[in-house]
Protein backbone atom coordinates (compact mmCIF):
# COMPACT_ATOMS: atom_id res chain seq x y z
CA MET A 1 39.38 -240.22 -170.44
CA ALA A 2 40.76 -237.67 -173.48
CA MET A 3 43.58 -235.51 -171.64
CA THR A 4 45.31 -232.56 -173.08
CA LYS A 5 47.59 -229.91 -171.60
CA ASN A 6 45.58 -226.83 -170.73
CA ALA A 7 45.32 -225.84 -167.64
CA THR A 8 48.42 -224.82 -165.04
CA LEU A 9 49.57 -224.94 -161.73
CA LEU A 10 51.90 -223.18 -159.92
CA PHE A 11 53.21 -224.09 -155.97
CA GLN A 12 53.82 -220.32 -153.36
CA LEU A 13 55.83 -221.62 -150.65
CA SER A 14 55.60 -219.03 -147.56
CA ALA A 15 55.82 -219.01 -143.56
CA GLY A 16 54.58 -216.43 -140.94
CA ARG A 17 51.11 -216.58 -142.70
CA GLU A 18 52.23 -215.44 -146.01
CA ALA A 19 54.90 -213.03 -144.48
CA LEU A 20 57.82 -214.77 -145.50
CA PRO A 21 58.22 -216.22 -149.00
CA VAL A 22 60.26 -219.93 -148.85
CA PRO A 23 62.63 -219.31 -151.71
CA GLY A 24 64.72 -222.52 -153.01
CA ALA A 25 62.19 -225.29 -151.96
CA GLY A 26 62.26 -228.09 -154.08
CA VAL A 27 58.83 -229.05 -155.65
CA THR A 28 58.44 -232.31 -156.91
CA LEU A 29 54.63 -233.19 -159.18
CA THR A 30 53.96 -236.50 -160.21
CA SER A 31 50.88 -236.95 -162.70
CA ARG A 32 48.34 -239.87 -161.26
CA GLU A 33 47.10 -240.42 -164.81
CA THR A 34 51.00 -241.41 -166.76
CA GLY A 35 53.27 -241.58 -163.37
CA ARG A 36 54.91 -238.39 -165.06
CA ARG A 37 57.73 -236.03 -162.69
CA VAL A 38 58.98 -233.19 -162.77
CA SER A 39 60.92 -230.96 -160.46
CA PHE A 40 60.94 -227.62 -159.90
CA VAL A 41 62.60 -224.86 -157.40
CA THR A 42 61.23 -221.96 -155.74
CA ASP A 43 62.18 -218.07 -156.73
CA LEU A 44 62.94 -215.03 -154.56
CA SER A 45 59.19 -215.24 -153.87
CA GLY A 46 58.78 -219.01 -153.06
CA ARG A 47 56.83 -219.59 -156.63
CA THR A 48 57.85 -222.15 -159.45
CA PRO A 49 56.58 -221.29 -162.44
CA PRO A 50 53.46 -222.11 -164.24
CA ILE A 51 53.57 -225.61 -164.38
CA PRO A 52 51.50 -226.97 -167.77
CA VAL A 53 49.12 -229.97 -167.03
CA CYS A 54 46.76 -232.27 -168.20
CA ALA A 55 42.78 -232.04 -167.51
CA PRO A 56 39.76 -233.85 -168.98
CA PRO A 57 37.42 -232.11 -171.42
CA ARG A 58 35.97 -229.08 -170.09
CA TRP A 59 31.78 -230.76 -170.63
CA GLU A 60 32.03 -232.80 -167.95
CA SER A 61 32.06 -230.36 -165.35
CA LEU A 62 29.34 -228.37 -166.93
CA ASP A 63 27.26 -231.14 -167.25
CA PRO A 64 25.23 -232.18 -163.35
CA ASN A 65 24.84 -235.78 -164.91
CA PHE A 66 28.35 -236.58 -165.84
CA GLU A 67 28.73 -239.12 -163.47
CA GLY A 68 32.77 -239.17 -163.35
CA VAL A 69 35.27 -237.23 -162.54
CA PRO A 70 35.46 -233.93 -164.07
CA TYR A 71 39.16 -232.88 -163.01
CA SER A 72 42.71 -234.63 -163.41
CA LEU A 73 44.87 -235.66 -159.99
CA TYR A 74 48.49 -235.10 -159.48
CA ASP A 75 50.68 -235.25 -156.30
CA ALA A 76 53.59 -232.74 -155.22
CA ARG A 77 56.41 -233.43 -152.89
CA VAL A 78 57.93 -230.25 -151.28
CA GLU A 79 60.90 -229.56 -149.31
CA ALA A 80 62.85 -226.53 -147.77
CA GLU A 81 65.98 -226.29 -145.62
CA GLY A 82 65.10 -225.90 -141.97
CA TYR A 83 61.27 -226.72 -143.04
CA ILE A 84 59.01 -229.45 -142.07
CA PRO A 85 58.73 -231.42 -145.89
CA VAL A 86 55.02 -231.76 -146.75
CA THR A 87 53.32 -233.76 -149.30
CA VAL A 88 50.07 -233.28 -150.97
CA ARG A 89 48.21 -236.07 -152.25
CA GLY A 90 45.33 -235.46 -154.96
CA ILE A 91 45.55 -231.85 -156.38
CA GLN A 92 42.52 -231.10 -158.43
CA VAL A 93 43.07 -229.81 -161.85
CA PHE A 94 40.08 -228.62 -164.21
CA PRO A 95 40.76 -227.66 -167.96
CA GLY A 96 41.54 -224.03 -168.97
CA GLU A 97 41.79 -223.17 -165.76
CA GLY A 98 45.06 -222.22 -163.93
CA SER A 99 45.41 -223.18 -159.75
CA VAL A 100 48.18 -222.52 -156.94
CA VAL A 101 49.08 -224.66 -154.33
CA PRO A 102 49.08 -222.17 -151.20
CA LEU A 103 51.37 -224.04 -148.54
CA SER A 104 52.49 -222.53 -145.43
CA LEU A 105 55.25 -224.54 -144.31
CA ASP A 106 56.22 -225.28 -140.75
CA PRO A 107 59.41 -224.37 -139.51
CA GLN A 108 61.23 -227.38 -137.80
CA PRO A 109 61.41 -227.61 -134.31
CA MET A 110 64.91 -227.39 -133.20
CA GLY A 111 65.62 -231.51 -131.73
CA ARG A 112 63.42 -232.86 -133.65
CA ASP A 113 63.36 -235.92 -135.67
CA ARG A 114 64.10 -234.93 -139.00
CA SER A 115 62.21 -237.44 -140.46
CA GLU A 116 58.71 -236.17 -139.75
CA GLU A 117 56.50 -234.64 -142.52
CA GLU A 118 53.14 -232.99 -143.06
CA VAL A 119 50.55 -235.28 -145.68
CA PHE A 120 47.38 -233.65 -147.03
CA ASP A 121 45.44 -236.24 -148.21
CA ILE A 122 42.43 -234.17 -150.55
CA PRO A 123 39.23 -235.96 -150.59
CA GLU A 124 37.15 -235.36 -153.99
CA ASN A 125 34.93 -231.58 -155.20
CA GLY A 126 31.69 -231.44 -152.44
CA LEU A 127 29.72 -231.26 -155.04
CA LEU A 128 30.54 -235.34 -155.93
CA THR A 129 30.24 -236.46 -151.92
CA THR A 130 26.91 -237.16 -150.39
CA PRO A 131 25.25 -236.69 -147.90
CA GLN A 132 25.34 -232.87 -147.95
CA ARG A 133 24.69 -230.93 -144.85
CA GLN A 134 21.62 -230.60 -142.78
CA PRO A 135 22.71 -227.20 -140.85
CA GLU A 136 21.52 -226.83 -137.87
CA GLY A 137 21.13 -222.84 -137.44
CA PRO A 138 18.52 -219.85 -137.15
CA ASP A 139 15.76 -220.48 -139.70
CA PRO A 140 16.88 -218.92 -142.92
CA GLN A 141 13.78 -216.68 -143.13
CA ASP A 142 14.01 -214.91 -139.96
CA ASP A 143 15.50 -211.41 -139.82
CA ILE A 144 17.46 -211.86 -136.61
CA PRO A 145 19.07 -214.92 -135.51
CA GLN A 146 18.07 -216.18 -132.02
CA GLY A 147 20.65 -216.88 -129.31
CA ARG A 148 23.63 -214.61 -128.62
CA VAL A 149 24.45 -212.73 -131.32
CA LEU A 150 27.35 -209.53 -132.11
CA THR A 151 25.85 -206.42 -132.33
CA ASN A 152 27.75 -205.30 -135.55
CA VAL A 153 28.91 -207.68 -138.70
CA TYR A 154 32.50 -207.53 -139.27
CA ILE A 155 35.15 -209.14 -141.25
CA PRO A 156 37.18 -211.34 -138.99
CA ARG A 157 40.98 -211.45 -139.92
CA TYR A 158 40.98 -215.25 -138.90
CA ILE A 159 38.62 -217.80 -138.62
CA THR A 160 39.35 -221.21 -136.44
CA VAL A 161 37.41 -224.24 -138.67
CA HIS A 162 37.39 -226.98 -136.23
CA LEU A 163 38.39 -229.85 -138.57
CA GLY A 164 35.76 -232.71 -137.67
CA ALA A 165 32.03 -232.69 -136.46
CA PRO A 166 31.70 -230.20 -133.15
CA SER A 167 31.12 -232.85 -130.92
CA ASN A 168 34.75 -234.50 -131.90
CA ALA A 169 36.67 -233.66 -129.14
CA SER A 170 40.11 -235.01 -130.48
CA ALA A 171 40.10 -233.08 -134.02
CA GLN A 172 42.54 -230.54 -134.41
CA ASN A 173 41.67 -226.44 -134.88
CA VAL A 174 43.55 -224.21 -137.50
CA THR A 175 43.18 -220.82 -137.66
CA VAL A 176 43.50 -219.32 -140.85
CA ASP A 177 42.75 -216.07 -142.83
CA PHE A 178 39.13 -215.44 -143.69
CA ALA A 179 39.44 -214.72 -146.96
CA TYR A 180 41.33 -217.35 -147.35
CA TYR A 181 38.88 -219.69 -145.74
CA ILE A 182 36.31 -218.77 -148.24
CA LYS A 183 38.87 -219.46 -151.09
CA ASN A 184 39.75 -222.73 -149.81
CA VAL A 185 36.36 -223.48 -149.19
CA ALA A 186 34.74 -222.14 -152.81
CA SER A 187 37.34 -224.16 -154.26
CA SER A 188 36.21 -227.23 -152.46
CA GLU A 189 32.45 -226.70 -153.12
CA ILE A 190 32.29 -225.80 -156.75
CA TYR A 191 33.67 -226.18 -159.92
CA PRO A 192 36.38 -223.18 -161.51
CA THR A 193 34.79 -223.85 -165.25
CA TRP A 194 31.11 -223.00 -164.22
CA PRO A 195 30.22 -219.53 -165.50
CA GLU A 196 31.69 -216.39 -163.55
CA ASN A 197 28.14 -215.27 -161.99
CA ALA A 198 27.49 -218.47 -160.73
CA ILE A 199 30.55 -218.65 -159.00
CA ARG A 200 30.05 -215.00 -157.81
CA ALA A 201 26.48 -216.43 -156.22
CA ASN A 202 28.25 -219.51 -154.76
CA ILE A 203 30.73 -217.45 -152.80
CA TYR A 204 28.28 -214.96 -151.78
CA ALA A 205 26.55 -217.65 -150.17
CA GLN A 206 29.66 -219.17 -148.65
CA ILE A 207 30.68 -216.23 -146.92
CA SER A 208 27.22 -214.82 -145.53
CA PHE A 209 27.48 -218.80 -143.81
CA ALA A 210 30.17 -218.01 -142.45
CA LEU A 211 29.50 -214.78 -141.11
CA ASN A 212 26.55 -215.77 -139.50
CA ARG A 213 28.15 -218.71 -137.90
CA ILE A 214 30.50 -215.57 -136.48
CA PHE A 215 27.81 -213.51 -135.83
CA THR A 216 25.28 -215.67 -134.03
CA GLU A 217 28.66 -216.87 -131.92
CA TRP A 218 26.68 -220.39 -132.85
CA TYR A 219 29.80 -222.48 -131.61
CA PRO A 220 31.54 -220.41 -128.77
CA SER A 221 27.94 -219.85 -127.40
CA ARG A 222 27.67 -223.58 -126.75
CA GLY A 223 30.92 -224.20 -125.43
CA TYR A 224 33.49 -224.76 -128.51
CA SER A 225 36.62 -223.23 -128.89
CA PHE A 226 35.90 -222.67 -132.64
CA ASN A 227 33.95 -220.49 -135.04
CA ILE A 228 32.55 -223.19 -137.57
CA THR A 229 33.50 -226.91 -138.79
CA ASN A 230 34.41 -228.50 -141.70
CA HIS A 231 32.04 -231.21 -141.06
CA THR A 232 29.78 -231.54 -144.74
CA GLY A 233 26.98 -232.24 -141.98
CA TYR A 234 27.14 -229.03 -140.27
CA ASP A 235 29.05 -226.77 -142.11
CA GLN A 236 31.01 -225.52 -145.06
CA TYR A 237 33.94 -227.55 -146.80
CA TYR A 238 37.12 -226.32 -146.10
CA VAL A 239 40.21 -228.60 -146.84
CA PRO A 240 43.53 -228.48 -145.40
CA GLY A 241 46.45 -228.34 -147.99
CA ARG A 242 44.52 -227.79 -151.01
CA ASN A 243 44.79 -226.22 -154.03
CA ILE A 244 42.64 -222.84 -154.91
CA PHE A 245 41.80 -222.03 -158.46
CA THR A 246 42.83 -218.63 -159.93
CA ASN A 247 39.84 -217.56 -160.96
CA ILE A 248 38.01 -217.88 -157.24
CA GLY A 249 41.29 -216.60 -155.36
CA ARG A 250 40.80 -213.27 -157.96
CA ILE A 251 36.70 -213.33 -157.06
CA VAL A 252 36.94 -213.62 -153.14
CA ASP A 253 40.01 -210.94 -153.19
CA GLU A 254 37.42 -208.39 -154.21
CA ILE A 255 34.41 -209.30 -152.91
CA PHE A 256 35.12 -211.08 -149.19
CA THR A 257 34.07 -208.24 -147.45
CA THR A 258 30.37 -208.62 -149.26
CA TYR A 259 27.43 -210.38 -147.90
CA ILE A 260 23.83 -211.11 -148.36
CA ARG A 261 21.07 -209.77 -145.87
CA ARG A 262 17.27 -209.47 -145.78
CA PRO A 263 16.51 -205.26 -146.49
CA GLY A 264 16.35 -203.84 -143.03
CA ALA A 265 18.06 -206.92 -140.88
CA LEU A 266 21.78 -206.24 -139.58
CA ASN A 267 22.78 -210.42 -139.55
CA PRO A 268 24.37 -211.83 -142.20
CA LEU A 269 21.80 -214.63 -143.81
CA PHE A 270 22.26 -217.91 -142.60
CA ALA A 271 22.43 -219.11 -146.83
CA GLU A 272 21.51 -222.75 -146.33
CA TYR A 273 22.71 -224.20 -149.92
CA CYS A 274 23.29 -227.53 -151.21
CA ASN A 275 24.32 -229.31 -154.71
CA GLY A 276 20.77 -229.38 -156.17
CA THR A 277 21.40 -233.02 -157.79
CA THR A 278 21.81 -235.77 -155.27
CA VAL A 279 20.86 -233.50 -152.20
CA SER A 280 17.88 -230.57 -152.37
CA CYS A 281 17.44 -228.12 -149.54
CA ASP A 282 15.48 -224.64 -149.13
CA GLY A 283 18.30 -222.65 -149.69
CA LEU A 284 20.69 -222.07 -153.12
CA SER A 285 21.10 -225.08 -155.39
CA GLN A 286 24.84 -224.88 -156.42
CA TRP A 287 24.46 -226.94 -160.03
CA GLY A 288 21.02 -224.18 -160.19
CA THR A 289 23.18 -221.37 -160.52
CA VAL A 290 25.29 -222.42 -163.31
CA SER A 291 21.50 -222.69 -165.70
CA LEU A 292 20.83 -219.35 -164.39
CA ALA A 293 23.40 -217.79 -165.01
CA GLN A 294 23.96 -219.69 -168.31
CA GLN A 295 20.81 -217.67 -169.08
CA GLY A 296 22.39 -214.41 -168.24
CA TYR A 297 21.26 -213.82 -164.26
CA THR A 298 23.51 -211.80 -162.26
CA PRO A 299 24.91 -212.52 -159.41
CA LEU A 300 22.32 -211.02 -157.20
CA SER A 301 19.29 -212.08 -159.20
CA ILE A 302 20.78 -215.80 -158.71
CA LEU A 303 20.66 -215.37 -155.08
CA ARG A 304 16.94 -213.85 -155.13
CA ARG A 305 15.68 -216.74 -157.16
CA PHE A 306 17.08 -219.04 -154.21
CA TYR A 307 16.62 -217.03 -150.99
CA GLY A 308 13.71 -214.10 -152.00
CA SER A 309 14.13 -210.86 -150.93
CA VAL A 310 17.74 -210.07 -150.42
CA GLU A 311 20.49 -207.53 -150.82
CA LEU A 312 24.29 -207.46 -151.25
CA VAL A 313 25.85 -205.55 -148.32
CA GLN A 314 30.05 -204.42 -147.70
CA ALA A 315 31.11 -204.89 -144.02
CA SER A 316 32.01 -201.66 -142.40
CA GLN A 317 34.63 -203.02 -140.72
CA VAL A 318 37.86 -205.77 -141.73
CA ARG A 319 39.46 -206.26 -138.25
CA ASN A 320 43.39 -205.49 -138.11
CA ILE A 321 43.17 -204.15 -142.03
CA GLU A 322 44.79 -200.69 -141.40
CA SER A 323 42.14 -198.75 -144.10
CA SER A 324 39.24 -199.47 -146.42
CA TYR A 325 39.01 -199.72 -150.06
CA PRO A 326 38.34 -195.59 -151.39
CA GLY A 327 35.75 -196.79 -153.18
CA SER A 328 37.22 -196.44 -156.87
CA SER A 329 40.34 -197.79 -158.80
CA LEU A 330 43.88 -196.10 -158.47
CA SER A 331 45.72 -196.09 -161.63
CA LEU A 332 48.20 -194.20 -163.53
CA GLY A 333 47.74 -190.15 -162.41
CA SER A 334 45.72 -191.47 -159.21
CA ARG A 335 47.05 -188.85 -156.44
CA GLY A 336 46.35 -188.11 -152.85
CA ALA A 337 46.00 -190.25 -149.20
CA ALA A 338 44.92 -193.52 -150.82
CA VAL A 339 47.70 -193.64 -153.21
CA GLN A 340 50.56 -192.69 -150.72
CA THR A 341 48.63 -195.63 -148.34
CA ILE A 342 49.43 -198.30 -150.88
CA GLN A 343 52.94 -196.82 -152.06
CA ARG A 344 53.92 -197.03 -148.11
CA GLN A 345 52.34 -200.68 -147.73
CA LEU A 346 54.17 -201.90 -150.73
CA SER A 347 57.34 -200.52 -150.07
CA ARG A 348 57.35 -202.48 -146.63
CA ILE A 349 56.10 -205.61 -148.38
CA ARG A 350 59.15 -205.40 -150.34
CA ARG A 351 61.54 -205.76 -147.91
CA ASN A 352 60.02 -208.99 -147.55
CA TYR A 353 59.44 -209.92 -150.87
CA PRO A 354 62.58 -208.34 -153.12
CA ALA A 355 60.82 -209.01 -156.34
CA ILE A 356 58.77 -205.88 -156.03
CA PRO A 357 60.64 -202.74 -157.53
CA ALA A 358 61.29 -199.69 -155.56
CA LEU A 359 58.91 -196.57 -155.32
CA ASP A 360 58.80 -193.44 -153.99
CA ILE A 361 56.21 -192.66 -151.28
CA ASP A 362 54.60 -189.43 -153.18
CA GLY A 363 51.15 -189.87 -153.73
CA ILE A 364 51.55 -189.69 -156.72
CA PHE A 365 50.26 -192.89 -158.78
CA GLY A 366 53.29 -192.77 -161.53
CA SER A 367 55.49 -195.80 -163.49
CA GLY A 368 57.13 -196.45 -160.84
CA THR A 369 53.94 -197.48 -158.55
CA ARG A 370 52.43 -199.29 -161.43
CA ALA A 371 56.03 -201.49 -161.75
CA ALA A 372 55.66 -202.35 -157.89
CA VAL A 373 51.48 -202.99 -158.46
CA MET A 374 52.05 -205.03 -161.23
CA ALA A 375 54.83 -207.11 -159.66
CA PHE A 376 52.79 -207.63 -156.31
CA GLN A 377 49.90 -208.35 -158.57
CA ARG A 378 52.41 -211.23 -160.23
CA ILE A 379 53.27 -212.73 -156.87
CA PHE A 380 50.35 -213.09 -155.19
CA ASN A 381 48.26 -214.29 -158.58
CA LEU A 382 45.74 -211.35 -159.29
CA THR A 383 45.35 -210.06 -162.95
CA GLN A 384 48.00 -208.00 -163.62
CA ASP A 385 46.75 -204.60 -164.98
CA GLY A 386 48.60 -202.30 -162.82
CA ILE A 387 45.46 -201.07 -161.14
CA VAL A 388 44.59 -201.34 -157.38
CA GLY A 389 40.47 -202.11 -157.62
CA ARG A 390 39.09 -203.55 -154.74
CA GLY A 391 40.72 -207.12 -155.02
CA THR A 392 44.27 -205.77 -155.43
CA TRP A 393 43.93 -203.01 -152.90
CA ASN A 394 42.12 -205.89 -150.18
CA ARG A 395 45.13 -208.35 -150.85
CA ILE A 396 47.80 -205.52 -150.16
CA SER A 397 46.50 -204.75 -146.74
CA ASN A 398 46.52 -208.37 -145.86
CA ILE A 399 50.19 -208.85 -146.91
CA TYR A 400 50.94 -205.57 -145.00
CA VAL A 401 49.05 -206.55 -142.11
CA ALA A 402 51.08 -210.13 -142.51
CA VAL A 403 54.64 -208.49 -142.45
CA THR A 404 54.35 -205.86 -140.04
CA ARG A 405 52.63 -208.20 -137.81
CA LEU A 406 55.48 -210.76 -138.15
CA ALA A 407 57.86 -207.65 -137.54
CA GLU A 408 56.16 -207.19 -134.49
CA LEU A 409 57.42 -210.33 -132.77
CA ASP A 410 61.01 -209.08 -133.21
CA GLY A 411 59.66 -205.99 -131.62
CA GLU A 412 58.26 -207.68 -128.34
CA ASN A 413 61.62 -208.06 -126.40
CA GLU A 414 60.71 -211.11 -124.49
CA PRO A 415 63.78 -212.20 -122.95
CA LEU A 416 64.77 -216.40 -122.58
CA PRO A 417 64.62 -217.04 -118.97
CA ASP A 418 67.92 -218.05 -117.34
CA VAL A 419 65.88 -221.57 -115.97
CA ARG A 420 62.85 -222.75 -116.83
CA PRO A 421 59.85 -222.43 -114.39
CA SER A 422 59.65 -224.62 -111.48
CA ASN A 423 55.54 -224.97 -111.34
CA LEU A 424 53.31 -225.70 -113.41
CA LEU A 425 51.17 -223.01 -115.52
CA ARG A 426 47.29 -223.11 -115.44
CA GLN A 427 44.76 -221.04 -116.08
CA GLY A 428 44.24 -218.30 -113.32
CA ASP A 429 47.99 -217.82 -113.37
CA ARG A 430 49.84 -214.29 -113.48
CA GLY A 431 53.21 -213.09 -113.92
CA GLU A 432 56.18 -212.35 -116.52
CA THR A 433 56.52 -216.47 -116.91
CA VAL A 434 52.99 -216.25 -118.49
CA ARG A 435 54.17 -213.23 -120.42
CA LEU A 436 56.94 -215.25 -121.69
CA ALA A 437 54.92 -218.61 -122.46
CA GLN A 438 52.37 -216.12 -124.46
CA TYR A 439 55.05 -214.50 -126.90
CA PHE A 440 56.06 -217.95 -127.32
CA LEU A 441 52.73 -219.04 -128.41
CA ARG A 442 52.17 -215.75 -129.99
CA VAL A 443 54.95 -216.53 -132.64
CA ILE A 444 54.44 -220.17 -133.12
CA SER A 445 50.76 -219.34 -133.83
CA ASN A 446 52.25 -216.78 -136.41
CA TYR A 447 53.99 -220.20 -138.34
CA TYR A 448 52.04 -222.48 -137.28
CA ASN A 449 47.69 -222.28 -138.00
CA SER A 450 47.00 -225.04 -135.74
CA VAL A 451 47.24 -222.50 -133.01
CA ARG A 452 45.47 -219.65 -132.62
CA PRO A 453 46.76 -216.17 -132.18
CA ILE A 454 46.72 -214.56 -128.42
CA ALA A 455 46.99 -211.34 -126.18
CA VAL A 456 50.64 -211.85 -124.69
CA ASP A 457 49.51 -209.82 -121.45
CA GLY A 458 50.50 -212.04 -118.41
CA ILE A 459 47.00 -213.74 -118.11
CA PHE A 460 46.51 -217.05 -118.27
CA GLY A 461 42.85 -216.74 -119.46
CA SER A 462 40.52 -219.17 -121.60
CA GLY A 463 42.45 -218.15 -124.79
CA THR A 464 45.81 -218.82 -123.35
CA LYS A 465 44.44 -222.23 -122.17
CA ASN A 466 43.13 -223.00 -125.65
CA ALA A 467 46.18 -221.75 -127.46
CA VAL A 468 48.00 -224.14 -124.99
CA ILE A 469 45.97 -226.89 -125.94
CA ASP A 470 45.67 -226.38 -129.61
CA PHE A 471 49.75 -226.15 -129.18
CA GLN A 472 49.34 -229.46 -127.12
CA ARG A 473 47.47 -231.42 -130.08
CA ARG A 474 49.83 -229.83 -132.68
CA PHE A 475 52.50 -231.41 -131.11
CA GLY A 476 51.31 -234.83 -129.69
CA LEU A 477 51.18 -233.78 -125.89
CA SER A 478 48.52 -234.22 -123.74
CA PRO A 479 45.79 -231.93 -124.36
CA ASP A 480 45.03 -230.63 -120.80
CA GLY A 481 45.82 -226.93 -121.57
CA ILE A 482 48.16 -226.91 -118.77
CA ILE A 483 52.16 -226.16 -119.25
CA GLY A 484 53.80 -228.50 -117.50
CA PRO A 485 57.54 -229.41 -117.93
CA ALA A 486 57.47 -231.26 -121.17
CA THR A 487 55.22 -228.22 -122.72
CA TRP A 488 57.29 -225.83 -122.19
CA ASN A 489 60.22 -228.03 -123.52
CA SER A 490 58.18 -228.37 -126.45
CA LEU A 491 57.21 -225.05 -127.18
CA TYR A 492 60.77 -223.61 -126.37
CA ASN A 493 62.55 -225.97 -129.06
CA VAL A 494 59.56 -225.11 -131.57
CA PHE A 495 59.92 -221.33 -131.11
CA MET A 496 63.90 -222.08 -130.91
CA GLY A 497 63.36 -223.67 -134.35
CA ILE A 498 61.20 -220.55 -136.00
CA ALA A 499 64.06 -218.60 -134.75
CA ASN A 500 67.13 -220.37 -136.21
CA THR A 501 64.85 -220.97 -139.64
CA SER A 502 63.12 -217.82 -140.26
CA GLY A 503 65.46 -215.02 -139.08
CA LEU A 504 63.60 -214.02 -135.60
CA VAL A 505 65.95 -212.43 -133.51
CA VAL A 506 66.28 -213.80 -130.00
CA PRO A 507 66.66 -210.88 -127.25
CA TYR A 508 68.88 -210.49 -124.89
CA PRO A 509 68.01 -212.52 -121.97
CA GLY A 510 68.57 -209.22 -119.38
CA THR A 511 72.32 -211.32 -117.49
CA LEU A 512 75.58 -212.28 -118.04
CA LEU A 513 76.15 -215.47 -119.35
CA ARG A 514 79.80 -216.59 -117.96
CA GLU A 515 82.05 -220.00 -116.90
CA GLY A 516 79.99 -221.67 -114.85
CA SER A 517 76.89 -220.57 -116.38
CA ARG A 518 73.82 -223.15 -117.33
CA GLY A 519 70.55 -223.99 -119.26
CA ASP A 520 69.13 -222.79 -122.63
CA ASN A 521 70.15 -219.97 -123.01
CA VAL A 522 74.31 -221.25 -122.62
CA GLN A 523 72.59 -223.95 -125.60
CA LEU A 524 71.43 -221.45 -127.51
CA MET A 525 74.74 -219.73 -128.00
CA GLN A 526 76.94 -222.60 -127.79
CA GLU A 527 74.83 -223.79 -130.77
CA TYR A 528 74.97 -220.36 -132.63
CA LEU A 529 78.83 -220.49 -131.74
CA ARG A 530 79.02 -224.34 -133.32
CA THR A 531 77.00 -223.18 -137.01
CA ILE A 532 79.06 -220.01 -136.89
CA GLY A 533 82.20 -222.09 -136.61
CA THR A 534 81.25 -223.42 -140.41
CA ARG A 535 82.23 -220.34 -141.72
CA TYR A 536 84.93 -218.72 -139.06
CA PRO A 537 87.77 -220.05 -137.36
CA ILE A 538 86.02 -220.41 -134.14
CA PRO A 539 86.86 -223.59 -131.83
CA TRP A 540 84.62 -226.68 -131.84
CA LEU A 541 82.59 -226.72 -128.71
CA ALA A 542 79.63 -229.55 -127.39
CA ILE A 543 76.16 -228.40 -127.56
CA ASP A 544 75.62 -229.35 -123.21
CA GLY A 545 74.19 -226.15 -121.79
CA ILE A 546 77.31 -225.78 -119.57
CA PHE A 547 79.57 -222.76 -120.25
CA GLY A 548 82.67 -224.27 -119.56
CA PRO A 549 86.28 -223.70 -120.98
CA ALA A 550 85.91 -225.17 -124.61
CA THR A 551 82.45 -222.63 -124.54
CA ARG A 552 84.57 -219.34 -123.36
CA ASP A 553 87.49 -220.48 -126.00
CA ALA A 554 85.03 -220.18 -128.61
CA VAL A 555 83.28 -216.84 -126.82
CA LEU A 556 86.92 -215.47 -127.25
CA ALA A 557 88.10 -216.18 -130.74
CA PHE A 558 84.25 -214.95 -131.60
CA GLN A 559 84.99 -211.58 -129.92
CA ARG A 560 88.44 -211.37 -131.66
CA LEU A 561 86.91 -211.66 -135.03
CA ALA A 562 84.12 -209.62 -134.39
CA GLY A 563 86.60 -206.58 -133.24
CA ILE A 564 84.51 -206.49 -129.79
CA ALA A 565 86.49 -206.76 -125.99
CA ALA A 566 87.27 -210.25 -125.74
CA ASP A 567 86.70 -210.90 -122.18
CA GLY A 568 85.35 -214.56 -123.30
CA ILE A 569 81.90 -213.12 -121.57
CA ILE A 570 78.39 -213.15 -123.55
CA GLY A 571 76.81 -209.65 -122.41
CA ARG A 572 73.91 -207.81 -124.68
CA ASN A 573 77.05 -206.79 -127.51
CA THR A 574 78.26 -210.26 -127.79
CA TRP A 575 74.82 -211.71 -127.78
CA ASP A 576 73.36 -209.33 -130.53
CA ARG A 577 76.57 -209.91 -132.23
CA ILE A 578 76.65 -214.05 -132.16
CA VAL A 579 72.67 -213.71 -133.45
CA ALA A 580 73.60 -211.29 -135.92
CA THR A 581 76.17 -213.43 -137.25
CA ARG A 582 73.89 -216.58 -136.64
CA LEU A 583 71.31 -215.48 -138.66
CA LEU A 584 73.82 -214.46 -142.12
CA ILE A 585 74.87 -218.07 -142.51
């Protein structure tokens, strides 16, 4: 195979659902073809530079009769202090195209084996996989699907994907950003070298298929706790850990709120599709879209060739997104409330992504706003034109929601308990201990996409039970949805791993810690004082959860260094100062 260095690959590492970049991470990339290795370190935005990589000739991915694999393969190893290492095998590279490996790193739980790692094996592109799905769903020609349906069409903030066949109860669920889900599916099912109108037509079908599953509540109405599967015999080809092609990501950011429907209908079309070569179906032929696009067909005219009378519709609501696109691009000279919204959101995002320059929030799109927009576009792999079109608007809104939601977790002010619960917590229970468990789960869900987000209301309902099961599956516990001692210990350790790694503020528990105190809060303060002692003259102390004379001496030493009342007791002021000092180290 003739290979030339005509593509690029970069890694973008984050935590907290893109709310926090992971700088200083080591990335080692290895070519499957040559064995050559290159290593990089991520910058303040959690990115490597674009890495030139080799790929085969372009024609191979444009010929439906080509029998080989039209892309090259790479493996990668990612390591960052405080996070679980990640190995990705089978990264796909196409000629002339850039791609991004957007990895969400999981914080290392407190007390867990440091040898643990996460491994993603990327299977071959869906066009090469047979048999493809024979999906079960409403008749594609029906105006209104049968069964339980919602009353309006909305774009969800997240979609929960079951990583297996619906009946595979042991398979894990992951809850991911909807736009990312579509980027992943499109990158897994089609080739980025195709004509843009073919890519757009396929993405519209993928969006509509997923929204139809959500609109009809297809799986929840059958007793399942997920929205869709990644099994190609039933649904779409979502592949955890895979790379996203830059042009596909750009298109999805622009159009992920648009879906197909029949004129006069409410529901998104059940947009069945197949590759059109090894598998035929009544819906869209993926390879057929290529020849039509090459003939000059628009995305809508391509869709009408396969689905008949359809239209493209913009969803009226994007859940959890603060405001909708104003309808026209914002650029130098623009003024008004929409400009001020973008300025305010970029200013907040900048606190997490300091590579974005400071800007005034004055409703005037000047050179400072343009510079901030271009920096954002560079960080998030958008066209760097300094113009806020639909794609950039949507991406800014999504990242703004991510960073503000993460900040709200600190604002929950859920104190850690003095002692662990003495009874099992299960569905039907209520109270402050349930509320604390929900808070742990909510924080954890923001860093581990295998745990779905939930409300913190003190009521142990079905949503909390499903989140507990998610957590138990992720951390190797019996998935019974009940919080017993083992699950509580694991919840605590994972939460504290997040606090130690990502800078989450741990609120004061509300009671004084002094000589004779025992428990998790004492152990936490001992760990923090031991860490602070690596930089400052704090006496060494054992980490045993018992507030003895050595702990009192360490507290006294810290209080004297901090210039606060030295009584050897940890009250609110001493607690907050210890936590703040630990986060600076």
